[in-house]
Amino acid sequence: MPMRKQTHVTFLISNFLLLFCIFSQDLYAKTLHFIAYGDTRGDIKVIGKPQVKHNTIAMAIRSMDPDFILFSGDMVYYNEFEKFLEVITNNYTGDTTIPLYPAIGNHELMFSEKVDELVKEVLRKMGIADKPEEESDSLPSGPSDDSTLEKVWKKLLEEINSLVESRIKTRSREVLCEEIRDKLPPSSSSYLKEVLKGTAEDQSWYSFIRKANGLEIKFLILNSSLPDDEEQFQWFLNELQQFSGPKIILEHYPPYSLGIHGCADLMDKESRASRFRDRYVRFFNDSANNVLLIINGHEHNYQRICRTHTTGNVQLPVYIISGGGGAPLAGMGECNTSQIPFDGFQCVEFITAYHFVDIIVRTNNNNKVILQGKVFGLRYDLAKGLPDDSAFERQFVKERLELIDDFTLHWQK
């Protein structure tokens, strides 16, 4: 081949490779990929047992290869953090770590000697745990009658709700640091150490920034079990003031819901969920703060809640409830749901499903953000019962998952 022709061919190939690399890098840089899910605990009957449903869902999540995971709270039913960590370690650590950023849920905060005693008493009344020796001769074996069990349940709930906020605050930090960060493999915990670096001694809320095509997006993780805490509230206001770009918020209690907690908590002005809603949502919903999405858990189902403009377009922010990570599923509340405060929002999707929310964020050269969410999972009819662990392992595999919802949000700087 003549030298001149060879040089020309080499030049064309070099240009092609250069353009391909630039295009590939640009395409990759435009995309931010994360997954949200939560409420992985079992019920009280399976305390201390492996989180089989959670592990099955986590395997499907891992196969999606997200950049990171947002966890909306309720890792455990009661204090069995090692079972939660088994799933996280088996699926999200190793050669490649998938960072998991957790919000603190209410079940992480069941603690105190009195709570310990009452949980054991509930288990004994249900016939699950052995009775103390001094009671074994005088009390019949097997579950107690419903009225006796109900009284113990009531005492347990009263004890949990009576815990003062200062103790909840300290315990929340212990869970985040001592139960999660410090017990992850050292090679897989650097991301949590980084976001918690410089935080206060009792701080269980934090933030981090990720980029989509160079545009920064801030993620704010709040502790909704601390509705009256002034330190968290002032930190939150400062985060809003210091960062004017798009934001995504993660916290456990949903401010709006048609589920059983919508009836039980959001119609009770004194509940922690209502107090958190009343203090924070006006800032979530203020368009000046550029909040795109609020992700919650607590309800064991999937809900998408939003407002629409008169034009019919979706108005930001949008609320997503993702509580189908393994806990027993639950349906709509049985109260008059029209009485639940919604501030002009509407629940446009309510699906009883084990699921996770797969989110991809793209931007263009004009700093327009396009957030696309796809919800993958399996629906279940509560009237027909939920699958046992072995059946669920066979059913919840990536190839069998349904697209149970999808949505697209737009934000322009």
Protein backbone atom coordinates (compact mmCIF):
# COMPACT_ATOMS: atom_id res chain seq x y z
CA MET A 1 0.00 0.00 0.00
CA PRO A 2 1.42 3.45 -0.92
CA MET A 3 2.62 5.45 2.09
CA ARG A 4 0.18 8.31 1.40
CA LYS A 5 -2.85 5.98 1.22
CA GLN A 6 -1.72 4.09 4.34
CA THR A 7 -1.38 7.38 6.24
CA HIS A 8 -4.87 8.41 5.14
CA VAL A 9 -6.39 5.09 6.31
CA THR A 10 -4.54 5.31 9.63
CA PHE A 11 -5.82 8.87 10.09
CA LEU A 12 -9.43 7.78 9.43
CA ILE A 13 -9.18 4.87 11.87
CA SER A 14 -7.64 7.10 14.53
CA ASN A 15 -10.41 9.66 14.11
CA PHE A 16 -13.05 6.95 14.29
CA LEU A 17 -11.57 5.52 17.49
CA LEU A 18 -11.28 9.00 19.00
CA LEU A 19 -14.92 9.83 18.20
CA PHE A 20 -16.04 6.44 19.51
CA CYS A 21 -14.20 6.97 22.80
CA ILE A 22 -15.57 10.48 23.21
CA PHE A 23 -19.10 9.37 22.40
CA SER A 24 -18.86 6.36 24.72
CA GLN A 25 -17.53 8.46 27.60
CA ASP A 26 -20.21 11.09 27.03
CA LEU A 27 -22.95 8.48 26.94
CA TYR A 28 -21.66 6.82 30.10
CA ALA A 29 -21.27 10.14 31.92
CA LYS A 30 -24.87 11.11 31.24
CA THR A 31 -26.24 8.21 33.22
CA LEU A 32 -26.64 7.80 36.97
CA HIS A 33 -28.18 4.48 37.95
CA PHE A 34 -29.47 3.62 41.42
CA ILE A 35 -32.07 1.37 43.04
CA ALA A 36 -34.39 2.08 45.98
CA TYR A 37 -36.13 -0.41 48.23
CA GLY A 38 -36.80 -1.10 51.91
CA ASP A 39 -38.73 -2.89 54.66
CA THR A 40 -36.84 -6.15 54.51
CA ARG A 41 -37.71 -7.37 58.00
CA GLY A 42 -39.80 -10.44 58.67
CA ASP A 43 -42.61 -10.44 61.22
CA ILE A 44 -42.28 -11.22 64.91
CA LYS A 45 -42.77 -14.96 64.31
CA VAL A 46 -39.47 -15.24 62.44
CA ILE A 47 -37.23 -13.07 64.61
CA GLY A 48 -33.64 -14.26 64.31
CA LYS A 49 -34.18 -16.34 61.18
CA PRO A 50 -32.44 -15.66 57.83
CA GLN A 51 -34.01 -12.96 55.63
CA VAL A 52 -34.76 -15.32 52.74
CA LYS A 53 -37.15 -13.03 50.85
CA HIS A 54 -34.78 -10.10 51.23
CA ASN A 55 -31.86 -12.19 49.98
CA THR A 56 -33.86 -13.27 46.93
CA ILE A 57 -34.76 -9.66 46.11
CA ALA A 58 -31.15 -8.56 46.70
CA MET A 59 -29.93 -11.13 44.17
CA ALA A 60 -32.21 -9.58 41.55
CA ILE A 61 -31.03 -6.08 42.51
CA ARG A 62 -27.38 -7.12 42.21
CA SER A 63 -28.03 -8.42 38.70
CA MET A 64 -29.19 -4.91 37.69
CA ASP A 65 -25.67 -3.60 38.47
CA PRO A 66 -26.66 -0.21 39.97
CA ASP A 67 -24.14 2.44 40.96
CA PHE A 68 -25.60 2.48 44.48
CA ILE A 69 -28.69 1.62 46.53
CA LEU A 70 -31.01 3.74 48.68
CA PHE A 71 -32.55 1.77 51.55
CA SER A 72 -35.76 3.25 52.98
CA GLY A 73 -35.55 1.71 56.47
CA ASP A 74 -36.78 -1.21 58.60
CA MET A 75 -33.83 -3.52 58.16
CA VAL A 76 -34.98 -5.84 60.94
CA TYR A 77 -38.04 -6.61 63.01
CA TYR A 78 -36.18 -6.45 66.29
CA ASN A 79 -32.46 -6.22 66.84
CA GLU A 80 -31.30 -9.08 64.54
CA PHE A 81 -28.95 -6.90 62.51
CA GLU A 82 -26.62 -9.80 61.72
CA LYS A 83 -29.34 -11.31 59.51
CA PHE A 84 -29.67 -8.07 57.56
CA LEU A 85 -25.90 -7.83 57.19
CA GLU A 86 -25.69 -11.40 55.90
CA VAL A 87 -27.81 -10.35 52.92
CA ILE A 88 -25.91 -7.11 52.34
CA THR A 89 -22.52 -8.83 52.58
CA ASN A 90 -23.53 -11.74 50.34
CA ASN A 91 -24.96 -9.54 47.60
CA TYR A 92 -23.46 -6.05 47.70
CA THR A 93 -19.84 -6.59 48.80
CA GLY A 94 -16.94 -8.60 47.44
CA ASP A 95 -14.92 -7.91 44.31
CA THR A 96 -17.31 -5.09 43.47
CA THR A 97 -19.07 -3.18 46.24
CA ILE A 98 -22.49 -1.69 45.60
CA PRO A 99 -22.82 1.12 48.17
CA LEU A 100 -26.02 0.92 50.22
CA TYR A 101 -27.12 4.16 51.90
CA PRO A 102 -29.69 3.45 54.64
CA ALA A 103 -32.31 5.62 56.28
CA ILE A 104 -33.22 4.68 59.84
CA GLY A 105 -36.63 3.00 60.22
CA ASN A 106 -38.79 2.65 63.30
CA HIS A 107 -38.03 -1.07 63.77
CA GLU A 108 -34.33 -0.29 64.17
CA LEU A 109 -35.38 1.71 67.23
CA MET A 110 -37.12 -0.99 69.25
CA PHE A 111 -34.82 -1.09 72.26
CA SER A 112 -34.59 -0.76 76.08
CA GLU A 113 -34.73 -3.40 78.79
CA LYS A 114 -38.49 -3.01 79.10
CA VAL A 115 -38.98 -3.51 75.36
CA ASP A 116 -36.78 -6.63 75.56
CA GLU A 117 -38.99 -8.05 78.30
CA LEU A 118 -42.22 -7.26 76.46
CA VAL A 119 -41.03 -8.75 73.16
CA LYS A 120 -40.15 -11.97 74.97
CA GLU A 121 -43.54 -11.93 76.67
CA VAL A 122 -45.32 -11.48 73.33
CA LEU A 123 -43.40 -14.45 71.92
CA ARG A 124 -44.34 -16.56 74.94
CA LYS A 125 -48.00 -15.58 74.64
CA MET A 126 -47.88 -16.55 70.97
CA GLY A 127 -46.42 -19.93 71.90
CA ILE A 128 -43.21 -19.22 70.00
CA ALA A 129 -40.75 -18.85 72.89
CA ASP A 130 -40.40 -21.01 75.97
CA LYS A 131 -41.81 -19.70 79.23
CA PRO A 132 -39.49 -19.07 82.20
CA GLU A 133 -39.11 -22.07 84.52
CA GLU A 134 -41.09 -20.40 87.29
CA GLU A 135 -44.07 -20.06 84.93
CA SER A 136 -43.84 -23.40 83.14
CA ASP A 137 -45.73 -25.42 85.76
CA SER A 138 -48.49 -22.91 86.37
CA LEU A 139 -49.28 -21.80 82.81
CA PRO A 140 -50.60 -23.89 79.92
CA SER A 141 -48.39 -24.42 76.88
CA GLY A 142 -49.25 -23.02 73.45
CA PRO A 143 -50.58 -19.59 72.49
CA SER A 144 -52.58 -17.50 74.95
CA ASP A 145 -56.06 -16.17 74.25
CA ASP A 146 -56.34 -13.12 72.01
CA SER A 147 -57.32 -10.69 74.78
CA THR A 148 -54.22 -11.48 76.85
CA LEU A 149 -51.95 -11.19 73.83
CA GLU A 150 -53.58 -7.91 72.82
CA LYS A 151 -52.86 -6.44 76.26
CA VAL A 152 -49.17 -7.31 75.99
CA TRP A 153 -49.01 -5.88 72.45
CA LYS A 154 -50.55 -2.68 73.75
CA LYS A 155 -47.94 -2.44 76.52
CA LEU A 156 -45.16 -3.02 73.99
CA LEU A 157 -46.40 -0.28 71.65
CA GLU A 158 -46.84 2.13 74.56
CA GLU A 159 -43.29 1.46 75.72
CA ILE A 160 -41.87 2.01 72.22
CA ASN A 161 -43.82 5.23 71.76
CA SER A 162 -42.78 6.51 75.19
CA LEU A 163 -39.06 6.48 74.36
CA VAL A 164 -37.78 10.04 74.57
CA GLU A 165 -36.27 11.58 71.46
CA SER A 166 -32.81 11.97 72.99
CA ARG A 167 -32.58 8.19 73.48
CA ILE A 168 -33.91 7.55 69.97
CA LYS A 169 -31.30 9.93 68.62
CA THR A 170 -28.45 8.12 70.37
CA ARG A 171 -29.75 4.70 69.35
CA SER A 172 -30.12 5.80 65.71
CA ARG A 173 -26.45 6.73 65.58
CA GLU A 174 -25.49 3.41 67.19
CA VAL A 175 -27.45 1.51 64.54
CA LEU A 176 -25.92 3.45 61.67
CA CYS A 177 -22.34 3.23 62.92
CA GLU A 178 -21.98 0.26 65.27
CA GLU A 179 -24.50 -2.13 63.72
CA ILE A 180 -23.97 -1.30 60.03
CA ARG A 181 -20.84 0.69 59.15
CA ASP A 182 -18.48 -0.98 61.61
CA LYS A 183 -19.68 -4.52 60.85
CA LEU A 184 -19.41 -4.34 57.08
CA PRO A 185 -16.19 -5.78 55.63
CA PRO A 186 -13.54 -3.02 55.91
CA SER A 187 -13.01 -3.04 52.15
CA SER A 188 -16.72 -2.39 51.59
CA SER A 189 -17.53 0.29 54.17
CA SER A 190 -15.46 3.23 52.93
CA TYR A 191 -18.46 4.92 51.29
CA LEU A 192 -20.34 5.07 54.62
CA LYS A 193 -17.25 6.24 56.45
CA GLU A 194 -16.91 9.01 53.90
CA VAL A 195 -20.49 10.35 54.20
CA LEU A 196 -20.41 10.12 58.00
CA LYS A 197 -17.01 11.78 58.29
CA GLY A 198 -17.38 15.05 60.15
CA THR A 199 -20.93 14.36 61.33
CA ALA A 200 -21.90 15.07 64.93
CA GLU A 201 -21.73 12.46 67.69
CA ASP A 202 -25.47 11.63 67.66
CA GLN A 203 -26.13 12.40 63.98
CA SER A 204 -28.00 9.78 61.93
CA TRP A 205 -28.83 12.00 58.95
CA TYR A 206 -26.36 12.74 56.16
CA SER A 207 -26.00 13.71 52.51
CA PHE A 208 -23.89 12.95 49.48
CA ILE A 209 -23.57 14.18 45.90
CA ARG A 210 -23.50 12.17 42.69
CA LYS A 211 -23.12 13.52 39.16
CA ALA A 212 -25.03 12.88 35.96
CA ASN A 213 -23.10 14.27 32.98
CA GLY A 214 -21.28 16.63 35.32
CA LEU A 215 -24.46 17.98 36.90
CA GLU A 216 -24.49 17.49 40.66
CA ILE A 217 -27.50 15.86 42.33
CA LYS A 218 -27.69 15.92 46.11
CA PHE A 219 -29.14 13.05 48.12
CA LEU A 220 -30.45 13.89 51.59
CA ILE A 221 -31.05 11.03 54.04
CA LEU A 222 -33.23 12.04 57.00
CA ASN A 223 -34.31 10.30 60.20
CA SER A 224 -38.10 10.66 60.34
CA SER A 225 -38.20 9.14 63.84
CA LEU A 226 -36.77 12.47 65.06
CA PRO A 227 -39.52 14.92 64.04
CA ASP A 228 -38.80 17.42 66.80
CA ASP A 229 -35.02 17.34 66.73
CA GLU A 230 -33.76 20.85 66.12
CA GLU A 231 -30.25 19.81 65.13
CA GLN A 232 -31.49 17.69 62.20
CA PHE A 233 -34.00 20.34 61.15
CA GLN A 234 -31.43 23.15 61.05
CA TRP A 235 -28.98 20.90 59.20
CA PHE A 236 -31.70 20.17 56.64
CA LEU A 237 -32.49 23.87 56.12
CA ASN A 238 -28.80 24.60 55.68
CA GLU A 239 -28.47 21.83 53.08
CA LEU A 240 -31.34 23.37 51.12
CA GLN A 241 -29.75 26.80 51.31
CA GLN A 242 -26.22 25.72 50.43
CA PHE A 243 -27.13 23.60 47.40
CA SER A 244 -29.44 25.02 44.74
CA GLY A 245 -29.38 22.05 42.35
CA PRO A 246 -31.72 19.04 42.09
CA LYS A 247 -32.27 16.95 45.22
CA ILE A 248 -33.62 13.52 46.12
CA ILE A 249 -34.73 12.81 49.69
CA LEU A 250 -34.80 9.46 51.48
CA GLU A 251 -36.62 8.92 54.79
CA HIS A 252 -38.75 6.17 56.33
CA TYR A 253 -42.18 7.55 57.31
CA PRO A 254 -44.29 8.53 54.27
CA PRO A 255 -45.89 11.98 54.63
CA TYR A 256 -48.76 10.77 52.43
CA SER A 257 -50.15 7.25 52.20
CA LEU A 258 -53.33 5.27 51.58
CA GLY A 259 -51.95 2.29 53.52
CA ILE A 260 -52.62 1.14 57.06
CA HIS A 261 -50.14 3.68 58.44
CA GLY A 262 -51.95 6.43 56.58
CA CYS A 263 -54.97 5.56 58.69
CA ALA A 264 -53.11 4.80 61.92
CA ASP A 265 -50.41 7.50 61.90
CA LEU A 266 -51.19 10.30 59.47
CA MET A 267 -54.64 10.88 60.96
CA ASP A 268 -53.11 11.12 64.43
CA LYS A 269 -51.59 14.59 64.76
CA GLU A 270 -49.44 13.48 67.70
CA SER A 271 -47.74 10.56 65.92
CA ARG A 272 -44.09 10.87 64.94
CA ALA A 273 -45.04 10.47 61.28
CA SER A 274 -47.53 13.35 61.42
CA ARG A 275 -45.15 15.60 63.33
CA PHE A 276 -42.41 14.92 60.79
CA ARG A 277 -44.82 15.62 57.92
CA ASP A 278 -46.04 18.86 59.45
CA ARG A 279 -42.52 20.16 59.96
CA TYR A 280 -40.78 19.06 56.77
CA VAL A 281 -43.13 18.67 53.80
CA ARG A 282 -43.64 22.37 53.19
CA PHE A 283 -39.93 22.47 52.36
CA PHE A 284 -40.10 19.25 50.33
CA ASN A 285 -42.99 20.68 48.29
CA ASP A 286 -41.60 24.19 47.77
CA SER A 287 -40.48 24.34 44.12
CA ALA A 288 -37.73 26.79 45.08
CA ASN A 289 -35.91 23.93 46.82
CA ASN A 290 -35.70 21.81 43.64
CA VAL A 291 -36.69 18.51 45.24
CA LEU A 292 -37.41 15.95 42.52
CA LEU A 293 -38.28 12.85 44.47
CA ILE A 294 -38.98 11.74 48.04
CA ILE A 295 -38.51 8.02 48.70
CA ASN A 296 -40.17 6.43 51.74
CA GLY A 297 -40.85 2.99 53.20
CA HIS A 298 -42.93 1.89 56.23
CA GLU A 299 -45.93 0.77 54.18
CA HIS A 300 -45.40 -2.76 52.86
CA ASN A 301 -46.49 -2.02 49.31
CA TYR A 302 -45.70 0.33 46.44
CA GLN A 303 -47.30 3.75 46.06
CA ARG A 304 -46.64 6.67 43.71
CA ILE A 305 -48.05 9.97 44.89
CA CYS A 306 -47.98 13.25 42.98
CA ARG A 307 -49.73 16.46 41.98
CA THR A 308 -50.54 17.56 38.44
CA HIS A 309 -50.61 20.97 36.80
CA THR A 310 -53.78 22.21 35.14
CA THR A 311 -52.04 21.20 31.90
CA GLY A 312 -52.01 17.61 33.11
CA ASN A 313 -48.23 17.47 33.54
CA VAL A 314 -46.78 16.00 36.73
CA GLN A 315 -45.65 18.61 39.23
CA LEU A 316 -42.47 18.04 41.24
CA PRO A 317 -41.81 16.58 43.73
CA VAL A 318 -43.11 13.03 43.44
CA TYR A 319 -43.39 10.72 46.45
CA ILE A 320 -42.54 7.04 46.12
CA ILE A 321 -43.30 4.49 48.84
CA SER A 322 -41.11 1.42 48.40
CA GLY A 323 -41.69 -1.01 51.26
CA GLY A 324 -41.77 -4.34 49.46
CA GLY A 325 -38.30 -5.63 50.30
CA GLY A 326 -39.34 -8.79 52.13
CA ALA A 327 -41.65 -7.80 54.98
CA PRO A 328 -45.20 -9.24 54.89
CA LEU A 329 -47.16 -7.23 52.32
CA ALA A 330 -50.10 -5.05 53.34
CA GLY A 331 -52.98 -3.43 51.48
CA MET A 332 -54.93 -0.20 51.78
CA GLY A 333 -55.97 1.19 55.13
CA GLU A 334 -59.46 0.42 56.35
CA CYS A 335 -60.36 3.94 57.46
CA ASN A 336 -62.09 6.58 55.36
CA THR A 337 -58.98 7.35 53.33
CA SER A 338 -60.50 10.57 52.01
CA GLN A 339 -59.85 11.99 55.49
CA ILE A 340 -56.09 11.40 55.31
CA PRO A 341 -54.29 14.75 54.70
CA PHE A 342 -52.80 14.81 51.19
CA ASP A 343 -52.19 18.54 50.54
CA GLY A 344 -53.50 18.29 46.99
CA PHE A 345 -51.45 15.19 46.16
CA GLN A 346 -53.03 12.00 44.84
CA CYS A 347 -52.01 8.37 45.01
CA VAL A 348 -51.89 7.41 41.33
CA GLU A 349 -50.50 3.90 41.89
CA PHE A 350 -51.08 1.52 44.79
CA ILE A 351 -49.70 -1.97 44.19
CA THR A 352 -49.34 -4.82 46.65
CA ALA A 353 -46.05 -6.27 45.47
CA TYR A 354 -42.60 -7.31 46.48
CA HIS A 355 -40.47 -4.98 44.41
CA PHE A 356 -37.61 -2.53 43.95
CA VAL A 357 -37.43 0.80 42.11
CA ASP A 358 -34.82 1.06 39.36
CA ILE A 359 -33.92 4.68 38.55
CA ILE A 360 -31.77 6.12 35.78
CA VAL A 361 -30.94 9.84 35.70
CA ARG A 362 -29.76 11.52 32.51
CA THR A 363 -29.01 15.13 31.67
CA ASN A 364 -28.50 17.02 28.44
CA ASN A 365 -26.28 19.93 27.53
CA ASN A 366 -28.89 22.39 28.79
CA ASN A 367 -28.78 20.85 32.29
CA LYS A 368 -32.21 19.34 31.86
CA VAL A 369 -32.61 16.33 34.15
CA ILE A 370 -34.59 13.32 32.94
CA LEU A 371 -35.29 10.82 35.70
CA GLN A 372 -36.76 7.52 34.56
CA GLY A 373 -38.10 5.08 37.14
CA LYS A 374 -39.08 1.48 36.49
CA VAL A 375 -40.55 -0.64 39.27
CA PHE A 376 -39.84 -4.35 38.99
CA GLY A 377 -41.47 -6.99 41.15
CA LEU A 378 -44.28 -9.47 41.63
CA ARG A 379 -47.84 -8.63 42.64
CA TYR A 380 -49.66 -10.75 45.20
CA ASP A 381 -53.32 -11.03 46.09
CA LEU A 382 -53.51 -10.82 49.88
CA ALA A 383 -56.78 -12.74 49.87
CA LYS A 384 -54.92 -15.73 48.42
CA GLY A 385 -52.05 -15.49 50.89
CA LEU A 386 -48.33 -14.79 50.50
CA PRO A 387 -45.74 -17.33 49.32
CA ASP A 388 -43.49 -19.12 51.78
CA ASP A 389 -39.75 -18.59 51.48
CA SER A 390 -39.02 -21.56 49.22
CA ALA A 391 -41.82 -20.68 46.80
CA PHE A 392 -40.68 -17.06 46.75
CA GLU A 393 -37.13 -18.07 45.87
CA ARG A 394 -38.47 -19.86 42.80
CA GLN A 395 -40.80 -17.02 41.79
CA PHE A 396 -38.76 -13.84 42.34
CA VAL A 397 -36.07 -14.20 39.70
CA LYS A 398 -35.07 -11.49 37.26
CA GLU A 399 -36.52 -13.22 34.20
CA ARG A 400 -39.97 -13.51 35.82
CA LEU A 401 -40.31 -10.01 37.25
CA GLU A 402 -43.10 -7.74 36.06
CA LEU A 403 -42.77 -4.08 35.20
CA ILE A 404 -45.39 -2.97 37.72
CA ASP A 405 -44.96 0.78 37.23
CA ASP A 406 -42.86 3.25 35.28
CA PHE A 407 -42.61 7.02 35.41
CA THR A 408 -40.50 9.84 34.00
CA LEU A 409 -39.73 13.15 35.71
CA HIS A 410 -38.26 16.27 34.14
CA TRP A 411 -36.37 19.10 35.82
CA GLN A 412 -34.79 22.13 34.17
CA LYS A 413 -32.17 24.28 35.85
